[in-house]
Each structure stands twice: as C-alpha cells, then as structure tokens.
PDB file of N, CA and C in Angstrom:
ATOM      1  N   MET A   1       2.130 268.990-134.059  1.00  0.00           N
ATOM      2  CA  MET A   1       1.716 270.490-133.740  1.00  0.00           C
ATOM      3  C   MET A   1       2.291 271.254-132.996  1.00  0.00           C
ATOM      4  N   GLY A   2       3.074 270.915-131.604  1.00  0.00           N
ATOM      5  CA  GLY A   2       4.039 271.757-130.969  1.00  0.00           C
ATOM      6  C   GLY A   2       3.434 272.941-130.037  1.00  0.00           C
ATOM      7  N   LEU A   3       1.556 273.225-130.312  1.00  0.00           N
ATOM      8  CA  LEU A   3       1.303 274.274-129.843  1.00  0.00           C
ATOM      9  C   LEU A   3       0.742 273.652-128.233  1.00  0.00           C
ATOM     10  N   ARG A   4       0.627 274.199-127.328  1.00  0.00           N
ATOM     11  CA  ARG A   4      -0.005 273.832-126.212  1.00  0.00           C
ATOM     12  C   ARG A   4      -1.234 274.840-126.164  1.00  0.00           C
ATOM     13  N   MET A   5      -3.002 274.188-126.267  1.00  0.00           N
ATOM     14  CA  MET A   5      -3.901 275.084-126.623  1.00  0.00           C
ATOM     15  C   MET A   5      -4.153 275.324-125.298  1.00  0.00           C
ATOM     16  N   THR A   6      -3.903 276.806-124.741  1.00  0.00           N
ATOM     17  CA  THR A   6      -4.399 277.349-123.626  1.00  0.00           C
ATOM     18  C   THR A   6      -5.717 277.800-123.786  1.00  0.00           C
ATOM     19  N   SER A   7      -6.572 278.377-123.194  1.00  0.00           N
ATOM     20  CA  SER A   7      -7.420 279.464-123.333  1.00  0.00           C
ATOM     21  C   SER A   7      -7.345 280.713-123.960  1.00  0.00           C
ATOM     22  N   SER A   8      -5.936 280.925-123.803  1.00  0.00           N
ATOM     23  CA  SER A   8      -5.432 282.267-124.408  1.00  0.00           C
ATOM     24  C   SER A   8      -5.219 281.937-125.895  1.00  0.00           C
ATOM     25  N   VAL A   9      -4.730 280.845-126.042  1.00  0.00           N
ATOM     26  CA  VAL A   9      -4.302 280.673-127.255  1.00  0.00           C
ATOM     27  C   VAL A   9      -5.371 280.481-128.195  1.00  0.00           C
ATOM     28  N   LEU A  10      -6.123 279.895-127.791  1.00  0.00           N
ATOM     29  CA  LEU A  10      -7.596 279.150-128.404  1.00  0.00           C
ATOM     30  C   LEU A  10      -8.496 280.685-128.776  1.00  0.00           C
ATOM     31  N   LYS A  11      -8.174 281.806-127.917  1.00  0.00           N
ATOM     32  CA  LYS A  11      -8.917 282.846-128.181  1.00  0.00           C
ATOM     33  C   LYS A  11      -8.402 283.512-129.109  1.00  0.00           C
ATOM     34  N   VAL A  12      -7.016 283.628-129.406  1.00  0.00           N
ATOM     35  CA  VAL A  12      -6.396 284.421-130.743  1.00  0.00           C
ATOM     36  C   VAL A  12      -6.835 283.383-131.774  1.00  0.00           C
ATOM     37  N   VAL A  13      -6.970 282.437-131.781  1.00  0.00           N
ATOM     38  CA  VAL A  13      -7.001 281.458-132.812  1.00  0.00           C
ATOM     39  C   VAL A  13      -8.581 281.501-133.410  1.00  0.00           C
ATOM     40  N   ALA A  14      -9.648 281.668-132.207  1.00  0.00           N
ATOM     41  CA  ALA A  14     -10.539 281.713-132.670  1.00  0.00           C
ATOM     42  C   ALA A  14     -11.231 282.996-133.444  1.00  0.00           C
ATOM     43  N   ALA A  15     -10.450 284.462-132.703  1.00  0.00           N
ATOM     44  CA  ALA A  15     -10.193 285.620-133.432  1.00  0.00           C
ATOM     45  C   ALA A  15     -10.068 285.673-134.846  1.00  0.00           C
ATOM     46  N   LEU A  16      -8.904 284.853-135.059  1.00  0.00           N
ATOM     47  CA  LEU A  16      -8.028 284.885-136.260  1.00  0.00           C
ATOM     48  C   LEU A  16      -8.871 283.986-137.299  1.00  0.00           C
ATOM     49  N   LEU A  17      -9.707 283.035-137.152  1.00  0.00           N
ATOM     50  CA  LEU A  17     -10.772 282.274-137.635  1.00  0.00           C
ATOM     51  C   LEU A  17     -12.078 282.937-137.815  1.00  0.00           C
ATOM     52  N   ALA A  18     -12.187 284.140-137.465  1.00  0.00           N
ATOM     53  CA  ALA A  18     -13.652 284.538-137.191  1.00  0.00           C
ATOM     54  C   ALA A  18     -13.708 285.339-139.209  1.00  0.00           C
ATOM     55  N   ASP A  19     -12.319 285.525-139.640  1.00  0.00           N
ATOM     56  CA  ASP A  19     -12.124 285.645-141.079  1.00  0.00           C
ATOM     57  C   ASP A  19     -10.702 285.380-141.086  1.00  0.00           C
ATOM     58  N   PRO A  20     -10.542 284.081-141.699  1.00  0.00           N
ATOM     59  CA  PRO A  20      -9.063 283.382-141.997  1.00  0.00           C
ATOM     60  C   PRO A  20      -8.544 284.325-142.852  1.00  0.00           C
ATOM     61  N   THR A  21      -8.953 285.026-143.825  1.00  0.00           N
ATOM     62  CA  THR A  21      -8.517 285.772-144.933  1.00  0.00           C
ATOM     63  C   THR A  21      -7.969 287.033-144.539  1.00  0.00           C
ATOM     64  N   ALA A  22      -8.423 287.532-143.193  1.00  0.00           N
ATOM     65  CA  ALA A  22      -8.228 288.758-143.054  1.00  0.00           C
ATOM     66  C   ALA A  22      -6.816 289.274-142.514  1.00  0.00           C
ATOM     67  N   GLN A  23      -6.161 290.485-142.693  1.00  0.00           N
ATOM     68  CA  GLN A  23      -5.088 290.548-141.607  1.00  0.00           C
ATOM     69  C   GLN A  23      -4.882 291.103-140.993  1.00  0.00           C
ATOM     70  N   ARG A  24      -4.650 291.110-139.961  1.00  0.00           N
ATOM     71  CA  ARG A  24      -5.257 291.789-138.553  1.00  0.00           C
ATOM     72  C   ARG A  24      -3.735 292.123-137.760  1.00  0.00           C
ATOM     73  N   TYR A  25      -4.101 293.210-137.249  1.00  0.00           N
ATOM     74  CA  TYR A  25      -3.096 294.202-136.376  1.00  0.00           C
ATOM     75  C   TYR A  25      -2.745 293.637-134.748  1.00  0.00           C
ATOM     76  N   GLY A  26      -1.729 293.795-134.244  1.00  0.00           N
ATOM     77  CA  GLY A  26      -2.214 293.280-132.911  1.00  0.00           C
ATOM     78  C   GLY A  26      -2.750 293.832-132.118  1.00  0.00           C
ATOM     79  N   LEU A  27      -3.519 295.473-132.220  1.00  0.00           N
ATOM     80  CA  LEU A  27      -4.381 296.164-131.411  1.00  0.00           C
ATOM     81  C   LEU A  27      -5.603 295.078-131.544  1.00  0.00           C
ATOM     82  N   GLN A  28      -6.026 295.291-133.195  1.00  0.00           N
ATOM     83  CA  GLN A  28      -7.426 294.758-133.420  1.00  0.00           C
ATOM     84  C   GLN A  28      -7.337 293.356-132.630  1.00  0.00           C
ATOM     85  N   LEU A  29      -5.923 292.621-132.876  1.00  0.00           N
ATOM     86  CA  LEU A  29      -6.470 291.423-132.126  1.00  0.00           C
ATOM     87  C   LEU A  29      -6.480 291.580-130.335  1.00  0.00           C
ATOM     88  N   MET A  30      -5.780 292.205-129.891  1.00  0.00           N
ATOM     89  CA  MET A  30      -6.126 292.760-128.112  1.00  0.00           C
ATOM     90  C   MET A  30      -7.706 292.714-128.269  1.00  0.00           C
ATOM     91  N   GLU A  31      -8.148 293.548-128.372  1.00  0.00           N
ATOM     92  CA  GLU A  31      -9.563 294.161-128.492  1.00  0.00           C
ATOM     93  C   GLU A  31     -10.486 292.896-129.006  1.00  0.00           C
ATOM     94  N   ALA A  32     -10.069 292.016-129.772  1.00  0.00           N
ATOM     95  CA  ALA A  32     -11.043 290.954-129.898  1.00  0.00           C
ATOM     96  C   ALA A  32     -10.962 289.816-129.207  1.00  0.00           C
ATOM     97  N   THR A  33      -9.484 289.618-128.646  1.00  0.00           N
ATOM     98  CA  THR A  33      -9.689 288.570-127.673  1.00  0.00           C
ATOM     99  C   THR A  33      -9.485 288.985-125.946  1.00  0.00           C
ATOM    100  N   GLY A  34      -9.105 290.285-126.300  1.00  0.00           N
ATOM    101  CA  GLY A  34      -9.110 290.745-124.368  1.00  0.00           C
ATOM    102  C   GLY A  34      -7.866 290.588-123.963  1.00  0.00           C
ATOM    103  N   LEU A  35      -6.906 290.093-125.070  1.00  0.00           N
ATOM    104  CA  LEU A  35      -5.591 289.963-124.260  1.00  0.00           C
ATOM    105  C   LEU A  35      -4.535 291.065-124.165  1.00  0.00           C
ATOM    106  N   PRO A  36      -3.874 291.198-123.226  1.00  0.00           N
ATOM    107  CA  PRO A  36      -2.884 292.151-123.198  1.00  0.00           C
ATOM    108  C   PRO A  36      -2.048 292.143-124.133  1.00  0.00           C
ATOM    109  N   SER A  37      -1.030 292.722-124.300  1.00  0.00           N
ATOM    110  CA  SER A  37      -0.400 292.510-125.227  1.00  0.00           C
ATOM    111  C   SER A  37       1.101 292.107-124.779  1.00  0.00           C
ATOM    112  N   GLY A  38       1.209 291.467-123.764  1.00  0.00           N
ATOM    113  CA  GLY A  38       2.120 290.690-123.168  1.00  0.00           C
ATOM    114  C   GLY A  38       1.892 289.681-123.318  1.00  0.00           C
ATOM    115  N   THR A  39       0.249 289.144-123.182  1.00  0.00           N
ATOM    116  CA  THR A  39       0.246 287.971-123.450  1.00  0.00           C
ATOM    117  C   THR A  39      -0.312 287.601-125.004  1.00  0.00           C
ATOM    118  N   LEU A  40      -0.489 288.552-125.733  1.00  0.00           N
ATOM    119  CA  LEU A  40      -0.902 288.316-127.466  1.00  0.00           C
ATOM    120  C   LEU A  40       0.707 288.082-128.337  1.00  0.00           C
ATOM    121  N   TYR A  41       1.367 289.099-128.101  1.00  0.00           N
ATOM    122  CA  TYR A  41       2.423 288.901-128.832  1.00  0.00           C
ATOM    123  C   TYR A  41       3.550 287.903-128.699  1.00  0.00           C
ATOM    124  N   PRO A  42       3.630 287.056-127.644  1.00  0.00           N
ATOM    125  CA  PRO A  42       4.283 285.672-127.347  1.00  0.00           C
ATOM    126  C   PRO A  42       3.527 284.766-127.736  1.00  0.00           C
ATOM    127  N   ILE A  43       1.849 284.883-128.105  1.00  0.00           N
ATOM    128  CA  ILE A  43       1.124 283.871-128.687  1.00  0.00           C
ATOM    129  C   ILE A  43       1.341 283.749-130.035  1.00  0.00           C
ATOM    130  N   LEU A  44       1.393 284.897-130.814  1.00  0.00           N
ATOM    131  CA  LEU A  44       1.851 285.264-132.362  1.00  0.00           C
ATOM    132  C   LEU A  44       2.799 284.583-132.648  1.00  0.00           C
ATOM    133  N   VAL A  45       3.642 284.927-131.599  1.00  0.00           N
ATOM    134  CA  VAL A  45       5.395 284.265-131.928  1.00  0.00           C
ATOM    135  C   VAL A  45       4.808 283.015-131.917  1.00  0.00           C
ATOM    136  N   ARG A  46       4.807 281.977-131.471  1.00  0.00           N
ATOM    137  CA  ARG A  46       4.604 280.948-131.167  1.00  0.00           C
ATOM    138  C   ARG A  46       3.492 280.186-132.489  1.00  0.00           C
ATOM    139  N   LEU A  47       2.641 280.893-132.678  1.00  0.00           N
ATOM    140  CA  LEU A  47       2.168 280.648-134.012  1.00  0.00           C
ATOM    141  C   LEU A  47       2.342 280.716-135.145  1.00  0.00           C
ATOM    142  N   GLU A  48       3.406 281.708-135.573  1.00  0.00           N
ATOM    143  CA  GLU A  48       4.161 281.974-136.298  1.00  0.00           C
ATOM    144  C   GLU A  48       5.316 280.919-136.365  1.00  0.00           C
ATOM    145  N   ALA A  49       5.846 280.699-135.624  1.00  0.00           N
ATOM    146  CA  ALA A  49       6.877 279.473-135.338  1.00  0.00           C
ATOM    147  C   ALA A  49       6.406 277.910-135.804  1.00  0.00           C
ATOM    148  N   ALA A  50       4.870 278.374-135.315  1.00  0.00           N
ATOM    149  CA  ALA A  50       4.525 276.383-135.968  1.00  0.00           C
ATOM    150  C   ALA A  50       4.160 276.575-137.147  1.00  0.00           C
ATOM    151  N   GLY A  51       4.176 277.756-137.892  1.00  0.00           N
ATOM    152  CA  GLY A  51       3.602 277.816-139.265  1.00  0.00           C
ATOM    153  C   GLY A  51       2.070 278.253-139.114  1.00  0.00           C
ATOM    154  N   TRP A  52       1.386 278.264-138.498  1.00  0.00           N
ATOM    155  CA  TRP A  52      -0.107 278.764-138.289  1.00  0.00           C
ATOM    156  C   TRP A  52      -0.310 280.150-138.762  1.00  0.00           C
ATOM    157  N   VAL A  53       0.449 280.920-138.303  1.00  0.00           N
ATOM    158  CA  VAL A  53       0.578 282.571-139.104  1.00  0.00           C
ATOM    159  C   VAL A  53       1.465 282.765-139.679  1.00  0.00           C
ATOM    160  N   ARG A  54       1.604 283.951-140.272  1.00  0.00           N
ATOM    161  CA  ARG A  54       2.389 284.276-141.274  1.00  0.00           C
ATOM    162  C   ARG A  54       1.952 285.710-141.082  1.00  0.00           C
ATOM    163  N   SER A  55       3.127 286.793-140.757  1.00  0.00           N
ATOM    164  CA  SER A  55       3.265 288.344-140.283  1.00  0.00           C
ATOM    165  C   SER A  55       3.856 289.009-141.554  1.00  0.00           C
ATOM    166  N   GLU A  56       3.564 290.455-141.441  1.00  0.00           N
ATOM    167  CA  GLU A  56       4.545 291.111-142.345  1.00  0.00           C
ATOM    168  C   GLU A  56       4.526 292.389-141.718  1.00  0.00           C
ATOM    169  N   TRP A  57       5.298 293.550-142.221  1.00  0.00           N
ATOM    170  CA  TRP A  57       5.139 294.847-141.877  1.00  0.00           C
ATOM    171  C   TRP A  57       4.516 295.524-142.575  1.00  0.00           C
ATOM    172  N   GLU A  58       3.352 296.446-142.516  1.00  0.00           N
ATOM    173  CA  GLU A  58       2.968 297.415-143.543  1.00  0.00           C
ATOM    174  C   GLU A  58       3.986 298.081-144.272  1.00  0.00           C
ATOM    175  N   ASP A  59       4.071 298.085-145.716  1.00  0.00           N
ATOM    176  CA  ASP A  59       4.704 299.145-146.464  1.00  0.00           C
ATOM    177  C   ASP A  59       4.172 300.884-146.795  1.00  0.00           C
ATOM    178  N   ILE A  60       4.235 301.433-145.189  1.00  0.00           N
ATOM    179  CA  ILE A  60       3.756 302.747-145.645  1.00  0.00           C
ATOM    180  C   ILE A  60       4.947 303.761-145.205  1.00  0.00           C
ATOM    181  N   ASP A  61       4.893 305.099-145.148  1.00  0.00           N
ATOM    182  CA  ASP A  61       5.579 305.937-144.733  1.00  0.00           C
ATOM    183  C   ASP A  61       5.109 306.488-143.652  1.00  0.00           C
ATOM    184  N   PRO A  62       5.345 306.236-142.003  1.00  0.00           N
ATOM    185  CA  PRO A  62       4.915 306.579-140.944  1.00  0.00           C
ATOM    186  C   PRO A  62       5.134 308.368-140.552  1.00  0.00           C
ATOM    187  N   VAL A  63       5.644 309.111-140.845  1.00  0.00           N
ATOM    188  CA  VAL A  63       5.597 310.381-141.168  1.00  0.00           C
ATOM    189  C   VAL A  63       4.294 310.918-141.757  1.00  0.00           C
ATOM    190  N   ALA A  64       4.196 310.593-143.182  1.00  0.00           N
ATOM    191  CA  ALA A  64       2.811 310.751-143.943  1.00  0.00           C
ATOM    192  C   ALA A  64       1.728 310.249-143.302  1.00  0.00           C
ATOM    193  N   GLU A  65       1.576 309.135-142.777  1.00  0.00           N
ATOM    194  CA  GLU A  65       0.439 308.386-142.470  1.00  0.00           C
ATOM    195  C   GLU A  65       0.304 308.800-140.595  1.00  0.00           C
ATOM    196  N   GLY A  66       1.154 309.599-140.390  1.00  0.00           N
ATOM    197  CA  GLY A  66       1.325 309.997-138.723  1.00  0.00           C
ATOM    198  C   GLY A  66       1.013 309.444-137.715  1.00  0.00           C
ATOM    199  N   ARG A  67       1.820 307.796-137.961  1.00  0.00           N
ATOM    200  CA  ARG A  67       1.396 306.756-137.060  1.00  0.00           C
ATOM    201  C   ARG A  67       2.750 305.676-137.580  1.00  0.00           C
ATOM    202  N   PRO A  68       3.303 304.469-136.814  1.00  0.00           N
ATOM    203  CA  PRO A  68       4.316 303.717-137.058  1.00  0.00           C
ATOM    204  C   PRO A  68       3.399 302.687-137.973  1.00  0.00           C
ATOM    205  N   SER A  69       4.347 301.978-138.741  1.00  0.00           N
ATOM    206  CA  SER A  69       3.787 301.270-139.516  1.00  0.00           C
ATOM    207  C   SER A  69       3.215 299.853-138.296  1.00  0.00           C
ATOM    208  N   ARG A  70       2.649 299.225-139.059  1.00  0.00           N
ATOM    209  CA  ARG A  70       1.893 298.141-138.211  1.00  0.00           C
ATOM    210  C   ARG A  70       2.392 296.601-138.813  1.00  0.00           C
ATOM    211  N   ARG A  71       2.242 295.747-138.309  1.00  0.00           N
ATOM    212  CA  ARG A  71       2.654 294.389-138.237  1.00  0.00           C
ATOM    213  C   ARG A  71       1.418 293.466-138.555  1.00  0.00           C
ATOM    214  N   TYR A  72       1.115 293.136-139.488  1.00  0.00           N
ATOM    215  CA  TYR A  72      -0.084 291.920-139.610  1.00  0.00           C
ATOM    216  C   TYR A  72      -0.215 290.901-139.776  1.00  0.00           C
ATOM    217  N   TYR A  73      -1.314 289.993-139.500  1.00  0.00           N
ATOM    218  CA  TYR A  73      -0.974 288.862-139.103  1.00  0.00           C
ATOM    219  C   TYR A  73      -1.952 287.949-139.926  1.00  0.00           C
ATOM    220  N   ARG A  74      -1.584 287.096-140.130  1.00  0.00           N
ATOM    221  CA  ARG A  74      -3.255 286.212-140.991  1.00  0.00           C
ATOM    222  C   ARG A  74      -2.721 284.683-140.936  1.00  0.00           C
ATOM    223  N   LEU A  75      -3.527 283.886-140.889  1.00  0.00           N
ATOM    224  CA  LEU A  75      -3.477 282.607-140.669  1.00  0.00           C
ATOM    225  C   LEU A  75      -2.842 281.969-141.894  1.00  0.00           C
ATOM    226  N   THR A  76      -2.154 281.222-141.917  1.00  0.00           N
ATOM    227  CA  THR A  76      -1.583 280.485-142.914  1.00  0.00           C
ATOM    228  C   THR A  76      -2.797 279.388-143.281  1.00  0.00           C
ATOM    229  N   ALA A  77      -2.642 278.698-145.018  1.00  0.00           N
ATOM    230  CA  ALA A  77      -3.865 277.443-144.801  1.00  0.00           C
ATOM    231  C   ALA A  77      -3.555 276.439-144.122  1.00  0.00           C
ATOM    232  N   GLU A  78      -2.350 276.076-143.547  1.00  0.00           N
ATOM    233  CA  GLU A  78      -2.071 275.029-142.776  1.00  0.00           C
ATOM    234  C   GLU A  78      -2.722 275.553-141.375  1.00  0.00           C
ATOM    235  N   GLY A  79      -2.307 276.379-141.393  1.00  0.00           N
ATOM    236  CA  GLY A  79      -3.113 276.978-139.413  1.00  0.00           C
ATOM    237  C   GLY A  79      -4.318 277.372-139.521  1.00  0.00           C
ATOM    238  N   GLU A  80      -5.355 277.474-140.692  1.00  0.00           N
ATOM    239  CA  GLU A  80      -6.502 277.576-140.426  1.00  0.00           C
ATOM    240  C   GLU A  80      -6.988 275.959-140.426  1.00  0.00           C
ATOM    241  N   THR A  81      -6.035 275.216-141.193  1.00  0.00           N
ATOM    242  CA  THR A  81      -6.797 273.478-141.052  1.00  0.00           C
ATOM    243  C   THR A  81      -6.220 273.192-139.584  1.00  0.00           C
ATOM    244  N   ASP A  82      -5.388 273.704-139.258  1.00  0.00           N
ATOM    245  CA  ASP A  82      -4.922 273.217-137.474  1.00  0.00           C
ATOM    246  C   ASP A  82      -5.847 273.722-136.837  1.00  0.00           C
ATOM    247  N   ALA A  83      -5.928 275.147-136.752  1.00  0.00           N
ATOM    248  CA  ALA A  83      -6.922 275.786-135.869  1.00  0.00           C
ATOM    249  C   ALA A  83      -8.153 275.414-135.774  1.00  0.00           C
ATOM    250  N   ARG A  84      -8.595 274.629-137.303  1.00  0.00           N
ATOM    251  CA  ARG A  84     -10.114 274.382-137.078  1.00  0.00           C
ATOM    252  C   ARG A  84     -10.111 272.974-136.109  1.00  0.00           C
ATOM    253  N   ARG A  85      -9.294 272.596-136.800  1.00  0.00           N
ATOM    254  CA  ARG A  85      -9.241 270.956-135.912  1.00  0.00           C
ATOM    255  C   ARG A  85      -8.522 271.237-134.204  1.00  0.00           C
ATOM    256  N   GLU A  86      -8.024 272.120-133.870  1.00  0.00           N
ATOM    257  CA  GLU A  86      -8.016 272.058-132.392  1.00  0.00           C
ATOM    258  C   GLU A  86      -9.470 273.016-131.727  1.00  0.00           C
ATOM    259  N   VAL A  87      -9.816 273.707-132.480  1.00  0.00           N
ATOM    260  CA  VAL A  87     -10.859 274.465-131.815  1.00  0.00           C
ATOM    261  C   VAL A  87     -12.366 272.812-131.746  1.00  0.00           C
ATOM    262  N   ALA A  88     -12.494 272.472-132.635  1.00  0.00           N
ATOM    263  CA  ALA A  88     -13.587 271.477-133.154  1.00  0.00           C
ATOM    264  C   ALA A  88     -13.105 270.695-131.514  1.00  0.00           C
ATOM    265  N   ALA A  89     -11.662 269.804-131.646  1.00  0.00           N
ATOM    266  CA  ALA A  89     -11.488 268.806-130.402  1.00  0.00           C
ATOM    267  C   ALA A  89     -12.023 269.722-129.203  1.00  0.00           C
ATOM    268  N   MET A  90     -11.479 270.967-129.344  1.00  0.00           N
ATOM    269  CA  MET A  90     -11.763 271.403-127.674  1.00  0.00           C
ATOM    270  C   MET A  90     -13.630 271.601-127.510  1.00  0.00           C
ATOM    271  N   HIS A  91     -14.157 271.992-128.593  1.00  0.00           N
ATOM    272  CA  HIS A  91     -15.557 272.006-128.169  1.00  0.00           C
ATOM    273  C   HIS A  91     -16.042 270.465-128.053  1.00  0.00           C
ATOM    274  N   GLN A  92     -15.471 269.529-128.434  1.00  0.00           N
ATOM    275  CA  GLN A  92     -15.448 268.149-128.487  1.00  0.00           C
ATOM    276  C   GLN A  92     -15.538 267.890-126.586  1.00  0.00           C
ATOM    277  N   GLN A  93     -14.224 268.268-126.359  1.00  0.00           N
ATOM    278  CA  GLN A  93     -13.850 267.560-125.192  1.00  0.00           C
ATOM    279  C   GLN A  93     -14.827 268.803-124.204  1.00  0.00           C
ATOM    280  N   LEU A  94     -15.134 270.048-124.188  1.00  0.00           N
ATOM    281  CA  LEU A  94     -16.341 270.432-123.501  1.00  0.00           C
ATOM    282  C   LEU A  94     -17.799 269.770-123.243  1.00  0.00           C
ATOM    283  N   SER A  95     -17.994 269.818-124.389  1.00  0.00           N
ATOM    284  CA  SER A  95     -19.260 269.355-124.585  1.00  0.00           C
ATOM    285  C   SER A  95     -19.532 267.666-123.878  1.00  0.00           C
ATOM    286  N   ARG A  96     -17.963 266.962-123.947  1.00  0.00           N
ATOM    287  CA  ARG A  96     -18.767 265.842-123.627  1.00  0.00           C
ATOM    288  C   ARG A  96     -18.132 266.183-121.496  1.00  0.00           C
ATOM    289  N   GLY A  97     -17.615 267.258-121.141  1.00  0.00           N
ATOM    290  CA  GLY A  97     -17.819 267.409-119.935  1.00  0.00           C
ATOM    291  C   GLY A  97     -19.004 268.211-119.599  1.00  0.00           C
ATOM    292  N   THR A  98     -19.882 268.723-120.344  1.00  0.00           N
ATOM    293  CA  THR A  98     -21.047 269.050-119.487  1.00  0.00           C
ATOM    294  C   THR A  98     -22.135 268.414-120.147  1.00  0.00           C
ATOM    295  N   GLY A  99     -22.290 267.281-120.807  1.00  0.00           N
ATOM    296  CA  GLY A  99     -23.014 266.473-121.222  1.00  0.00           C
ATOM    297  C   GLY A  99     -22.933 265.302-120.579  1.00  0.00           C
ATOM    298  N   SER A 100     -22.281 264.915-119.343  1.00  0.00           N
ATOM    299  CA  SER A 100     -22.581 263.806-118.430  1.00  0.00           C
ATOM    300  C   SER A 100     -23.131 264.090-117.135  1.00  0.00           C
ATOM    301  N   THR A 101     -23.727 263.098-116.986  1.00  0.00           N
ATOM    302  CA  THR A 101     -24.314 263.175-115.352  1.00  0.00           C
ATOM    303  C   THR A 101     -23.838 263.432-114.396  1.00  0.00           C
ATOM    304  N   GLN A 102     -24.225 264.164-113.589  1.00  0.00           N
ATOM    305  CA  GLN A 102     -23.095 263.825-112.050  1.00  0.00           C
ATOM    306  C   GLN A 102     -23.755 262.767-111.106  1.00  0.00           C
ATOM    307  N   PRO A 103     -22.890 262.413-110.705  1.00  0.00           N
ATOM    308  CA  PRO A 103     -23.513 261.132-109.603  1.00  0.00           C
ATOM    309  C   PRO A 103     -23.996 261.572-108.566  1.00  0.00           C
ATOM    310  N   GLY A 104     -24.808 260.542-108.192  1.00  0.00           N
ATOM    311  CA  GLY A 104     -25.849 261.803-106.731  1.00  0.00           C
ATOM    312  C   GLY A 104     -26.702 262.374-106.777  1.00  0.00           C
ATOM    313  N   LEU A 105     -26.897 263.102-108.322  1.00  0.00           N
ATOM    314  CA  LEU A 105     -28.037 263.663-108.455  1.00  0.00           C
ATOM    315  C   LEU A 105     -29.280 262.864-109.418  1.00  0.00           C
ATOM    316  N   THR A 106     -30.472 263.098-108.813  1.00  0.00           N
ATOM    317  CA  THR A 106     -31.590 262.368-109.619  1.00  0.00           C
ATOM    318  C   THR A 106     -32.643 263.355-109.878  1.00  0.00           C
ATOM    319  N   THR A 107     -33.235 262.965-110.816  1.00  0.00           N
ATOM    320  CA  THR A 107     -34.015 263.763-111.723  1.00  0.00           C
ATOM    321  C   THR A 107     -35.188 263.545-111.522  1.00  0.00           C
TER     322      THR A 107
END
C-alpha cells in the first residue's frame, strides 16, 4: 500500500468514499473533512501517487465562467477497494479498543 493511514488521511478517504463515483474539487473536500489546504493537498498527492485517486483539470474557459479551472479528484477502482479495506481495519482496531474491559474496574 505505501500509505500511512493517519486520521487526516482517513478523513479524506471517508469523504471520497461517501460517493466513490463523484468527482470532488479541493474546496469541497476541505469543507467535508475540516482540513486546511496545506494538509489536504499533500494527502491528495500521496493518494494519487499510490494509485488510489485520479485527478483531472476541468475543461472550462475561466474568463467565461468567472473563476479559475478546478482540479477534480476521484477514487480509482483500486483506490475504492483499498480505502474500504483500510477504513474497515481501522474500525476493527477501534472497536477492539473500546470493547475491552479496563483492569481494576468492577461492575
């Protein structure tokens, strides 16, 4: 895999998994994850290098649209599969941690 699954990476992956076929641009992902651009974009670069995400620039006339072109990000088929596996593994680790009894406590 090659990706370190930090909480920030998991937030981005979860946002993309919310609708795996949708293309999202950076501002949408920042709003969905609560991450600043300086955190989000390096994660997207790493996800793309790992083959989990594909990006492409939208084909518009910025003058006619009155805004710059957006770069859209979308999970690849491999990325969706790997992302679901990683999210499931994280849920399993978290449920193990919360499901255990703490020593010294009696009920």
